[in-house]
Amino acid sequence: MNIDRVEFLAWMERINTRFDLVCEKINEFHYKRSTIDGDELLDNQDILLMLKISYRSLQRYRSSGKLPYYSISGKLYYKLSDVHQFIRENFKGRIVKPPLERK
């Protein structure tokens, strides 16, 4: 089976057009994160990775009222601004000094 150059180029153009459409859809989905009042919503997994804490610690922060959350259809979400406020209030910055160089 042999196809000529013109037909091959036409098929390649169609394929590239389809890839462009898929790329646009992926970008739309990526930038259309859940928001509330214009603030991005994060789920449990996002918070666990961001704060590098265990699920139990996150549950403790919720229970104590330190970290506000929203329950939507049984799933928990946190506003990004609330998380930043929580970090500022609860995690005091430590300055880590670099190790001394040995001579």
PDB file of N, CA and C in Angstrom:
ATOM      1  N   MET A   1       0.846  -1.173   0.000  1.00  0.00           N
ATOM      2  CA  MET A   1       0.000   0.000   0.000  1.00  0.00           C
ATOM      3  C   MET A   1       0.888   1.231   0.000  1.00  0.00           C
ATOM      4  N   ASN A   2       0.670   2.067  -0.945  1.00  0.00           N
ATOM      5  CA  ASN A   2       1.471   3.264  -1.124  1.00  0.00           C
ATOM      6  C   ASN A   2       0.548   4.480  -1.173  1.00  0.00           C
ATOM      7  N   ILE A   3       0.902   5.527  -0.415  1.00  0.00           N
ATOM      8  CA  ILE A   3       0.133   6.765  -0.532  1.00  0.00           C
ATOM      9  C   ILE A   3       1.062   7.837  -1.057  1.00  0.00           C
ATOM     10  N   ASP A   4       0.472   8.744  -1.788  1.00  0.00           N
ATOM     11  CA  ASP A   4       1.314   9.796  -2.355  1.00  0.00           C
ATOM     12  C   ASP A   4       1.575  10.882  -1.313  1.00  0.00           C
ATOM     13  N   ARG A   5       2.499  11.721  -1.606  1.00  0.00           N
ATOM     14  CA  ARG A   5       2.963  12.765  -0.689  1.00  0.00           C
ATOM     15  C   ARG A   5       1.846  13.727  -0.304  1.00  0.00           C
ATOM     16  N   VAL A   6       1.017  14.123  -1.251  1.00  0.00           N
ATOM     17  CA  VAL A   6      -0.053  15.089  -0.983  1.00  0.00           C
ATOM     18  C   VAL A   6      -1.051  14.507   0.024  1.00  0.00           C
ATOM     19  N   GLU A   7      -1.425  13.263  -0.180  1.00  0.00           N
ATOM     20  CA  GLU A   7      -2.368  12.626   0.734  1.00  0.00           C
ATOM     21  C   GLU A   7      -1.747  12.470   2.127  1.00  0.00           C
ATOM     22  N   PHE A   8      -0.484  12.118   2.179  1.00  0.00           N
ATOM     23  CA  PHE A   8       0.217  11.989   3.453  1.00  0.00           C
ATOM     24  C   PHE A   8       0.230  13.322   4.203  1.00  0.00           C
ATOM     25  N   LEU A   9       0.557  14.397   3.505  1.00  0.00           N
ATOM     26  CA  LEU A   9       0.594  15.716   4.144  1.00  0.00           C
ATOM     27  C   LEU A   9      -0.792  16.136   4.626  1.00  0.00           C
ATOM     28  N   ALA A  10      -1.827  15.787   3.867  1.00  0.00           N
ATOM     29  CA  ALA A  10      -3.193  16.113   4.284  1.00  0.00           C
ATOM     30  C   ALA A  10      -3.541  15.381   5.583  1.00  0.00           C
ATOM     31  N   TRP A  11      -3.187  14.107   5.663  1.00  0.00           N
ATOM     32  CA  TRP A  11      -3.439  13.348   6.880  1.00  0.00           C
ATOM     33  C   TRP A  11      -2.655  13.909   8.065  1.00  0.00           C
ATOM     34  N   MET A  12      -1.434  14.267   7.841  1.00  0.00           N
ATOM     35  CA  MET A  12      -0.614  14.833   8.921  1.00  0.00           C
ATOM     36  C   MET A  12      -1.202  16.153   9.409  1.00  0.00           C
ATOM     37  N   GLU A  13      -1.733  16.939   8.506  1.00  0.00           N
ATOM     38  CA  GLU A  13      -2.365  18.209   8.890  1.00  0.00           C
ATOM     39  C   GLU A  13      -3.597  17.943   9.763  1.00  0.00           C
ATOM     40  N   ARG A  14      -4.392  16.947   9.396  1.00  0.00           N
ATOM     41  CA  ARG A  14      -5.561  16.584  10.207  1.00  0.00           C
ATOM     42  C   ARG A  14      -5.141  16.128  11.607  1.00  0.00           C
ATOM     43  N   ILE A  15      -4.117  15.313  11.655  1.00  0.00           N
ATOM     44  CA  ILE A  15      -3.638  14.820  12.954  1.00  0.00           C
ATOM     45  C   ILE A  15      -3.136  15.974  13.814  1.00  0.00           C
ATOM     46  N   ASN A  16      -2.387  16.883  13.228  1.00  0.00           N
ATOM     47  CA  ASN A  16      -1.885  18.042  13.980  1.00  0.00           C
ATOM     48  C   ASN A  16      -3.031  18.908  14.483  1.00  0.00           C
ATOM     49  N   THR A  17      -4.075  19.066  13.670  1.00  0.00           N
ATOM     50  CA  THR A  17      -5.238  19.843  14.092  1.00  0.00           C
ATOM     51  C   THR A  17      -5.895  19.188  15.306  1.00  0.00           C
ATOM     52  N   ARG A  18      -6.014  17.862  15.275  1.00  0.00           N
ATOM     53  CA  ARG A  18      -6.601  17.139  16.404  1.00  0.00           C
ATOM     54  C   ARG A  18      -5.746  17.295  17.666  1.00  0.00           C
ATOM     55  N   PHE A  19      -4.438  17.216  17.518  1.00  0.00           N
ATOM     56  CA  PHE A  19      -3.549  17.411  18.667  1.00  0.00           C
ATOM     57  C   PHE A  19      -3.715  18.807  19.253  1.00  0.00           C
ATOM     58  N   ASP A  20      -3.864  19.797  18.391  1.00  0.00           N
ATOM     59  CA  ASP A  20      -4.073  21.162  18.872  1.00  0.00           C
ATOM     60  C   ASP A  20      -5.368  21.267  19.678  1.00  0.00           C
ATOM     61  N   LEU A  21      -6.433  20.618  19.206  1.00  0.00           N
ATOM     62  CA  LEU A  21      -7.706  20.636  19.928  1.00  0.00           C
ATOM     63  C   LEU A  21      -7.582  19.957  21.290  1.00  0.00           C
ATOM     64  N   VAL A  22      -6.910  18.832  21.326  1.00  0.00           N
ATOM     65  CA  VAL A  22      -6.712  18.115  22.588  1.00  0.00           C
ATOM     66  C   VAL A  22      -5.880  18.962  23.547  1.00  0.00           C
ATOM     67  N   CYS A  23      -4.867  19.602  23.037  1.00  0.00           N
ATOM     68  CA  CYS A  23      -4.009  20.461  23.862  1.00  0.00           C
ATOM     69  C   CYS A  23      -4.813  21.615  24.457  1.00  0.00           C
ATOM     70  N   GLU A  24      -5.684  22.224  23.668  1.00  0.00           N
ATOM     71  CA  GLU A  24      -6.531  23.312  24.164  1.00  0.00           C
ATOM     72  C   GLU A  24      -7.444  22.824  25.284  1.00  0.00           C
ATOM     73  N   LYS A  25      -8.044  21.658  25.102  1.00  0.00           N
ATOM     74  CA  LYS A  25      -8.939  21.103  26.126  1.00  0.00           C
ATOM     75  C   LYS A  25      -8.181  20.816  27.420  1.00  0.00           C
ATOM     76  N   ILE A  26      -6.993  20.285  27.301  1.00  0.00           N
ATOM     77  CA  ILE A  26      -6.179  20.008  28.488  1.00  0.00           C
ATOM     78  C   ILE A  26      -5.842  21.305  29.210  1.00  0.00           C
ATOM     79  N   ASN A  27      -5.464  22.330  28.469  1.00  0.00           N
ATOM     80  CA  ASN A  27      -5.149  23.620  29.078  1.00  0.00           C
ATOM     81  C   ASN A  27      -6.369  24.228  29.752  1.00  0.00           C
ATOM     82  N   GLU A  28      -7.544  24.128  29.125  1.00  0.00           N
ATOM     83  CA  GLU A  28      -8.772  24.638  29.737  1.00  0.00           C
ATOM     84  C   GLU A  28      -9.036  23.930  31.054  1.00  0.00           C
ATOM     85  N   PHE A  29      -8.916  22.622  31.048  1.00  0.00           N
ATOM     86  CA  PHE A  29      -9.158  21.845  32.257  1.00  0.00           C
ATOM     87  C   PHE A  29      -8.149  22.202  33.347  1.00  0.00           C
ATOM     88  N   HIS A  30      -6.904  22.371  32.960  1.00  0.00           N
ATOM     89  CA  HIS A  30      -5.847  22.686  33.924  1.00  0.00           C
ATOM     90  C   HIS A  30      -6.089  24.036  34.593  1.00  0.00           C
ATOM     91  N   TYR A  31      -6.511  25.027  33.843  1.00  0.00           N
ATOM     92  CA  TYR A  31      -6.690  26.365  34.393  1.00  0.00           C
ATOM     93  C   TYR A  31      -8.066  26.573  35.008  1.00  0.00           C
ATOM     94  N   LYS A  32      -8.964  25.611  34.852  1.00  0.00           N
ATOM     95  CA  LYS A  32     -10.307  25.729  35.398  1.00  0.00           C
ATOM     96  C   LYS A  32     -10.399  24.994  36.720  1.00  0.00           C
ATOM     97  N   ARG A  33      -9.513  25.275  37.626  1.00  0.00           N
ATOM     98  CA  ARG A  33      -9.548  24.634  38.935  1.00  0.00           C
ATOM     99  C   ARG A  33     -10.755  25.162  39.697  1.00  0.00           C
ATOM    100  N   SER A  34     -11.175  24.416  40.687  1.00  0.00           N
ATOM    101  CA  SER A  34     -12.312  24.819  41.502  1.00  0.00           C
ATOM    102  C   SER A  34     -11.964  26.088  42.263  1.00  0.00           C
ATOM    103  N   THR A  35     -12.893  27.033  42.251  1.00  0.00           N
ATOM    104  CA  THR A  35     -12.677  28.282  42.974  1.00  0.00           C
ATOM    105  C   THR A  35     -13.940  28.649  43.742  1.00  0.00           C
ATOM    106  N   ILE A  36     -13.749  29.431  44.795  1.00  0.00           N
ATOM    107  CA  ILE A  36     -14.857  29.998  45.543  1.00  0.00           C
ATOM    108  C   ILE A  36     -14.461  31.425  45.884  1.00  0.00           C
ATOM    109  N   ASP A  37     -15.308  32.355  45.571  1.00  0.00           N
ATOM    110  CA  ASP A  37     -15.018  33.786  45.754  1.00  0.00           C
ATOM    111  C   ASP A  37     -13.714  34.177  45.067  1.00  0.00           C
ATOM    112  N   GLY A  38     -13.419  33.544  43.942  1.00  0.00           N
ATOM    113  CA  GLY A  38     -12.203  33.852  43.198  1.00  0.00           C
ATOM    114  C   GLY A  38     -10.941  33.264  43.801  1.00  0.00           C
ATOM    115  N   ASP A  39     -11.086  32.474  44.856  1.00  0.00           N
ATOM    116  CA  ASP A  39      -9.938  31.874  45.531  1.00  0.00           C
ATOM    117  C   ASP A  39      -9.889  30.387  45.193  1.00  0.00           C
ATOM    118  N   GLU A  40      -8.716  29.877  44.866  1.00  0.00           N
ATOM    119  CA  GLU A  40      -8.560  28.481  44.472  1.00  0.00           C
ATOM    120  C   GLU A  40      -8.854  27.548  45.640  1.00  0.00           C
ATOM    121  N   LEU A  41      -9.543  26.451  45.339  1.00  0.00           N
ATOM    122  CA  LEU A  41      -9.834  25.439  46.348  1.00  0.00           C
ATOM    123  C   LEU A  41      -8.854  24.282  46.222  1.00  0.00           C
ATOM    124  N   LEU A  42      -8.373  23.810  47.359  1.00  0.00           N
ATOM    125  CA  LEU A  42      -7.448  22.681  47.404  1.00  0.00           C
ATOM    126  C   LEU A  42      -8.122  21.537  48.144  1.00  0.00           C
ATOM    127  N   ASP A  43      -7.839  20.309  47.742  1.00  0.00           N
ATOM    128  CA  ASP A  43      -8.407  19.167  48.455  1.00  0.00           C
ATOM    129  C   ASP A  43      -7.391  18.629  49.465  1.00  0.00           C
ATOM    130  N   ASN A  44      -7.780  17.557  50.166  1.00  0.00           N
ATOM    131  CA  ASN A  44      -6.907  16.996  51.204  1.00  0.00           C
ATOM    132  C   ASN A  44      -5.523  16.660  50.673  1.00  0.00           C
ATOM    133  N   GLN A  45      -5.470  16.005  49.516  1.00  0.00           N
ATOM    134  CA  GLN A  45      -4.184  15.579  48.960  1.00  0.00           C
ATOM    135  C   GLN A  45      -3.282  16.778  48.674  1.00  0.00           C
ATOM    136  N   ASP A  46      -3.861  17.846  48.141  1.00  0.00           N
ATOM    137  CA  ASP A  46      -3.078  19.055  47.871  1.00  0.00           C
ATOM    138  C   ASP A  46      -2.465  19.605  49.158  1.00  0.00           C
ATOM    139  N   ILE A  47      -3.263  19.642  50.226  1.00  0.00           N
ATOM    140  CA  ILE A  47      -2.791  20.186  51.504  1.00  0.00           C
ATOM    141  C   ILE A  47      -1.708  19.292  52.111  1.00  0.00           C
ATOM    142  N   LEU A  48      -1.926  17.971  52.056  1.00  0.00           N
ATOM    143  CA  LEU A  48      -0.933  17.050  52.617  1.00  0.00           C
ATOM    144  C   LEU A  48       0.415  17.213  51.933  1.00  0.00           C
ATOM    145  N   LEU A  49       0.398  17.362  50.621  1.00  0.00           N
ATOM    146  CA  LEU A  49       1.655  17.538  49.885  1.00  0.00           C
ATOM    147  C   LEU A  49       2.269  18.911  50.142  1.00  0.00           C
ATOM    148  N   MET A  50       1.425  19.926  50.222  1.00  0.00           N
ATOM    149  CA  MET A  50       1.921  21.287  50.415  1.00  0.00           C
ATOM    150  C   MET A  50       2.564  21.461  51.786  1.00  0.00           C
ATOM    151  N   LEU A  51       1.897  20.960  52.826  1.00  0.00           N
ATOM    152  CA  LEU A  51       2.387  21.158  54.192  1.00  0.00           C
ATOM    153  C   LEU A  51       3.300  20.036  54.676  1.00  0.00           C
ATOM    154  N   LYS A  52       3.359  18.940  53.907  1.00  0.00           N
ATOM    155  CA  LYS A  52       4.169  17.777  54.280  1.00  0.00           C
ATOM    156  C   LYS A  52       3.798  17.281  55.671  1.00  0.00           C
ATOM    157  N   ILE A  53       2.490  17.037  55.840  1.00  0.00           N
ATOM    158  CA  ILE A  53       1.966  16.541  57.105  1.00  0.00           C
ATOM    159  C   ILE A  53       1.184  15.261  56.839  1.00  0.00           C
ATOM    160  N   SER A  54       0.836  14.554  57.920  1.00  0.00           N
ATOM    161  CA  SER A  54       0.043  13.332  57.786  1.00  0.00           C
ATOM    162  C   SER A  54      -1.440  13.690  57.719  1.00  0.00           C
ATOM    163  N   TYR A  55      -2.225  12.699  57.307  1.00  0.00           N
ATOM    164  CA  TYR A  55      -3.670  12.908  57.242  1.00  0.00           C
ATOM    165  C   TYR A  55      -4.226  13.193  58.637  1.00  0.00           C
ATOM    166  N   ARG A  56      -3.702  12.509  59.639  1.00  0.00           N
ATOM    167  CA  ARG A  56      -4.166  12.708  61.018  1.00  0.00           C
ATOM    168  C   ARG A  56      -3.879  14.124  61.499  1.00  0.00           C
ATOM    169  N   SER A  57      -2.728  14.676  61.153  1.00  0.00           N
ATOM    170  CA  SER A  57      -2.411  16.055  61.538  1.00  0.00           C
ATOM    171  C   SER A  57      -3.387  17.024  60.887  1.00  0.00           C
ATOM    172  N   LEU A  58      -3.690  16.776  59.623  1.00  0.00           N
ATOM    173  CA  LEU A  58      -4.652  17.631  58.922  1.00  0.00           C
ATOM    174  C   LEU A  58      -6.016  17.553  59.596  1.00  0.00           C
ATOM    175  N   GLN A  59      -6.412  16.356  59.986  1.00  0.00           N
ATOM    176  CA  GLN A  59      -7.688  16.171  60.672  1.00  0.00           C
ATOM    177  C   GLN A  59      -7.692  16.923  62.006  1.00  0.00           C
ATOM    178  N   ARG A  60      -6.578  16.894  62.702  1.00  0.00           N
ATOM    179  CA  ARG A  60      -6.455  17.599  63.976  1.00  0.00           C
ATOM    180  C   ARG A  60      -6.584  19.112  63.773  1.00  0.00           C
ATOM    181  N   TYR A  61      -5.968  19.655  62.722  1.00  0.00           N
ATOM    182  CA  TYR A  61      -6.079  21.089  62.435  1.00  0.00           C
ATOM    183  C   TYR A  61      -7.521  21.470  62.122  1.00  0.00           C
ATOM    184  N   ARG A  62      -8.237  20.589  61.413  1.00  0.00           N
ATOM    185  CA  ARG A  62      -9.649  20.847  61.112  1.00  0.00           C
ATOM    186  C   ARG A  62     -10.480  20.822  62.387  1.00  0.00           C
ATOM    187  N   SER A  63     -10.280  19.784  63.204  1.00  0.00           N
ATOM    188  CA  SER A  63     -11.080  19.600  64.424  1.00  0.00           C
ATOM    189  C   SER A  63     -10.880  20.737  65.412  1.00  0.00           C
ATOM    190  N   SER A  64      -9.666  21.233  65.492  1.00  0.00           N
ATOM    191  CA  SER A  64      -9.375  22.315  66.440  1.00  0.00           C
ATOM    192  C   SER A  64      -9.819  23.673  65.914  1.00  0.00           C
ATOM    193  N   GLY A  65     -10.220  23.732  64.660  1.00  0.00           N
ATOM    194  CA  GLY A  65     -10.676  24.995  64.084  1.00  0.00           C
ATOM    195  C   GLY A  65      -9.546  25.867  63.572  1.00  0.00           C
ATOM    196  N   LYS A  66      -8.329  25.353  63.584  1.00  0.00           N
ATOM    197  CA  LYS A  66      -7.190  26.142  63.106  1.00  0.00           C
ATOM    198  C   LYS A  66      -7.208  26.323  61.594  1.00  0.00           C
ATOM    199  N   LEU A  67      -7.745  25.332  60.885  1.00  0.00           N
ATOM    200  CA  LEU A  67      -7.757  25.380  59.425  1.00  0.00           C
ATOM    201  C   LEU A  67      -9.200  25.266  58.930  1.00  0.00           C
ATOM    202  N   PRO A  68      -9.772  26.376  58.450  1.00  0.00           N
ATOM    203  CA  PRO A  68     -11.153  26.331  57.947  1.00  0.00           C
ATOM    204  C   PRO A  68     -11.258  25.451  56.704  1.00  0.00           C
ATOM    205  N   TYR A  69     -12.406  24.804  56.550  1.00  0.00           N
ATOM    206  CA  TYR A  69     -12.608  23.927  55.401  1.00  0.00           C
ATOM    207  C   TYR A  69     -14.062  23.993  54.951  1.00  0.00           C
ATOM    208  N   TYR A  70     -14.301  23.509  53.760  1.00  0.00           N
ATOM    209  CA  TYR A  70     -15.639  23.461  53.172  1.00  0.00           C
ATOM    210  C   TYR A  70     -15.912  22.030  52.752  1.00  0.00           C
ATOM    211  N   SER A  71     -17.116  21.561  53.022  1.00  0.00           N
ATOM    212  CA  SER A  71     -17.514  20.221  52.604  1.00  0.00           C
ATOM    213  C   SER A  71     -18.501  20.361  51.448  1.00  0.00           C
ATOM    214  N   ILE A  72     -18.100  19.870  50.289  1.00  0.00           N
ATOM    215  CA  ILE A  72     -18.939  19.940  49.097  1.00  0.00           C
ATOM    216  C   ILE A  72     -19.131  18.516  48.598  1.00  0.00           C
ATOM    217  N   SER A  73     -20.365  18.054  48.623  1.00  0.00           N
ATOM    218  CA  SER A  73     -20.708  16.687  48.200  1.00  0.00           C
ATOM    219  C   SER A  73     -19.854  15.643  48.917  1.00  0.00           C
ATOM    220  N   GLY A  74     -19.608  15.861  50.193  1.00  0.00           N
ATOM    221  CA  GLY A  74     -18.856  14.897  50.983  1.00  0.00           C
ATOM    222  C   GLY A  74     -17.350  14.982  50.844  1.00  0.00           C
ATOM    223  N   LYS A  75     -16.862  15.893  50.021  1.00  0.00           N
ATOM    224  CA  LYS A  75     -15.420  16.049  49.850  1.00  0.00           C
ATOM    225  C   LYS A  75     -14.989  17.352  50.517  1.00  0.00           C
ATOM    226  N   LEU A  76     -13.837  17.328  51.158  1.00  0.00           N
ATOM    227  CA  LEU A  76     -13.350  18.494  51.892  1.00  0.00           C
ATOM    228  C   LEU A  76     -12.439  19.341  51.017  1.00  0.00           C
ATOM    229  N   TYR A  77     -12.653  20.660  51.091  1.00  0.00           N
ATOM    230  CA  TYR A  77     -11.842  21.613  50.340  1.00  0.00           C
ATOM    231  C   TYR A  77     -11.372  22.719  51.273  1.00  0.00           C
ATOM    232  N   TYR A  78     -10.264  23.336  50.898  1.00  0.00           N
ATOM    233  CA  TYR A  78      -9.669  24.413  51.675  1.00  0.00           C
ATOM    234  C   TYR A  78      -9.359  25.561  50.731  1.00  0.00           C
ATOM    235  N   LYS A  79      -9.674  26.783  51.152  1.00  0.00           N
ATOM    236  CA  LYS A  79      -9.325  27.940  50.327  1.00  0.00           C
ATOM    237  C   LYS A  79      -7.828  28.190  50.442  1.00  0.00           C
ATOM    238  N   LEU A  80      -7.220  28.514  49.319  1.00  0.00           N
ATOM    239  CA  LEU A  80      -5.778  28.750  49.298  1.00  0.00           C
ATOM    240  C   LEU A  80      -5.398  29.889  50.238  1.00  0.00           C
ATOM    241  N   SER A  81      -6.211  30.935  50.289  1.00  0.00           N
ATOM    242  CA  SER A  81      -5.902  32.061  51.181  1.00  0.00           C
ATOM    243  C   SER A  81      -5.972  31.631  52.650  1.00  0.00           C
ATOM    244  N   ASP A  82      -6.917  30.742  52.987  1.00  0.00           N
ATOM    245  CA  ASP A  82      -6.996  30.235  54.362  1.00  0.00           C
ATOM    246  C   ASP A  82      -5.763  29.407  54.713  1.00  0.00           C
ATOM    247  N   VAL A  83      -5.290  28.631  53.762  1.00  0.00           N
ATOM    248  CA  VAL A  83      -4.091  27.815  53.990  1.00  0.00           C
ATOM    249  C   VAL A  83      -2.876  28.713  54.210  1.00  0.00           C
ATOM    250  N   HIS A  84      -2.752  29.763  53.395  1.00  0.00           N
ATOM    251  CA  HIS A  84      -1.628  30.693  53.575  1.00  0.00           C
ATOM    252  C   HIS A  84      -1.706  31.376  54.938  1.00  0.00           C
ATOM    253  N   GLN A  85      -2.906  31.769  55.352  1.00  0.00           N
ATOM    254  CA  GLN A  85      -3.087  32.392  56.661  1.00  0.00           C
ATOM    255  C   GLN A  85      -2.718  31.407  57.773  1.00  0.00           C
ATOM    256  N   PHE A  86      -3.131  30.164  57.632  1.00  0.00           N
ATOM    257  CA  PHE A  86      -2.808  29.119  58.601  1.00  0.00           C
ATOM    258  C   PHE A  86      -1.299  28.941  58.724  1.00  0.00           C
ATOM    259  N   ILE A  87      -0.614  28.942  57.598  1.00  0.00           N
ATOM    260  CA  ILE A  87       0.844  28.788  57.604  1.00  0.00           C
ATOM    261  C   ILE A  87       1.496  29.960  58.330  1.00  0.00           C
ATOM    262  N   ARG A  88       1.046  31.175  58.026  1.00  0.00           N
ATOM    263  CA  ARG A  88       1.629  32.357  58.680  1.00  0.00           C
ATOM    264  C   ARG A  88       1.421  32.326  60.191  1.00  0.00           C
ATOM    265  N   GLU A  89       0.250  31.877  60.630  1.00  0.00           N
ATOM    266  CA  GLU A  89      -0.065  31.901  62.055  1.00  0.00           C
ATOM    267  C   GLU A  89       0.546  30.740  62.844  1.00  0.00           C
ATOM    268  N   ASN A  90       0.728  29.594  62.214  1.00  0.00           N
ATOM    269  CA  ASN A  90       1.100  28.398  62.971  1.00  0.00           C
ATOM    270  C   ASN A  90       2.505  27.873  62.736  1.00  0.00           C
ATOM    271  N   PHE A  91       3.089  28.219  61.645  1.00  0.00           N
ATOM    272  CA  PHE A  91       4.430  27.721  61.367  1.00  0.00           C
ATOM    273  C   PHE A  91       5.404  28.891  61.432  1.00  0.00           C
ATOM    274  N   LYS A  92       6.075  28.999  62.536  1.00  0.00           N
ATOM    275  CA  LYS A  92       7.055  30.073  62.693  1.00  0.00           C
ATOM    276  C   LYS A  92       8.282  29.738  61.872  1.00  0.00           C
ATOM    277  N   GLY A  93       8.736  30.701  61.126  1.00  0.00           N
ATOM    278  CA  GLY A  93       9.892  30.476  60.257  1.00  0.00           C
ATOM    279  C   GLY A  93      11.164  30.281  61.052  1.00  0.00           C
ATOM    280  N   ARG A  94      11.885  29.265  60.693  1.00  0.00           N
ATOM    281  CA  ARG A  94      13.192  29.021  61.293  1.00  0.00           C
ATOM    282  C   ARG A  94      14.227  29.274  60.231  1.00  0.00           C
ATOM    283  N   ILE A  95      15.262  29.955  60.614  1.00  0.00           N
ATOM    284  CA  ILE A  95      16.360  30.187  59.686  1.00  0.00           C
ATOM    285  C   ILE A  95      17.334  29.031  59.841  1.00  0.00           C
ATOM    286  N   VAL A  96      17.516  28.324  58.778  1.00  0.00           N
ATOM    287  CA  VAL A  96      18.431  27.188  58.798  1.00  0.00           C
ATOM    288  C   VAL A  96      19.783  27.668  58.310  1.00  0.00           C
ATOM    289  N   LYS A  97      20.766  27.527  59.177  1.00  0.00           N
ATOM    290  CA  LYS A  97      22.107  27.968  58.806  1.00  0.00           C
ATOM    291  C   LYS A  97      22.787  26.870  58.007  1.00  0.00           C
ATOM    292  N   PRO A  98      23.513  27.252  56.977  1.00  0.00           N
ATOM    293  CA  PRO A  98      24.231  26.229  56.208  1.00  0.00           C
ATOM    294  C   PRO A  98      25.330  25.612  57.064  1.00  0.00           C
ATOM    295  N   PRO A  99      25.665  24.357  56.814  1.00  0.00           N
ATOM    296  CA  PRO A  99      26.719  23.715  57.609  1.00  0.00           C
ATOM    297  C   PRO A  99      28.060  24.409  57.387  1.00  0.00           C
ATOM    298  N   LEU A 100      28.876  24.377  58.427  1.00  0.00           N
ATOM    299  CA  LEU A 100      30.196  24.991  58.326  1.00  0.00           C
ATOM    300  C   LEU A 100      31.069  24.176  57.384  1.00  0.00           C
ATOM    301  N   GLU A 101      31.836  24.891  56.612  1.00  0.00           N
ATOM    302  CA  GLU A 101      32.742  24.203  55.689  1.00  0.00           C
ATOM    303  C   GLU A 101      33.978  23.752  56.454  1.00  0.00           C
ATOM    304  N   ARG A 102      34.413  22.549  56.173  1.00  0.00           N
ATOM    305  CA  ARG A 102      35.629  22.039  56.797  1.00  0.00           C
ATOM    306  C   ARG A 102      36.799  22.315  55.882  1.00  0.00           C
ATOM    307  N   LYS A 103      37.900  22.660  56.508  1.00  0.00           N
ATOM    308  CA  LYS A 103      39.100  22.945  55.713  1.00  0.00           C
ATOM    309  C   LYS A 103      40.070  21.815  55.811  1.00  0.00           C
TER     310      LYS A 103
END
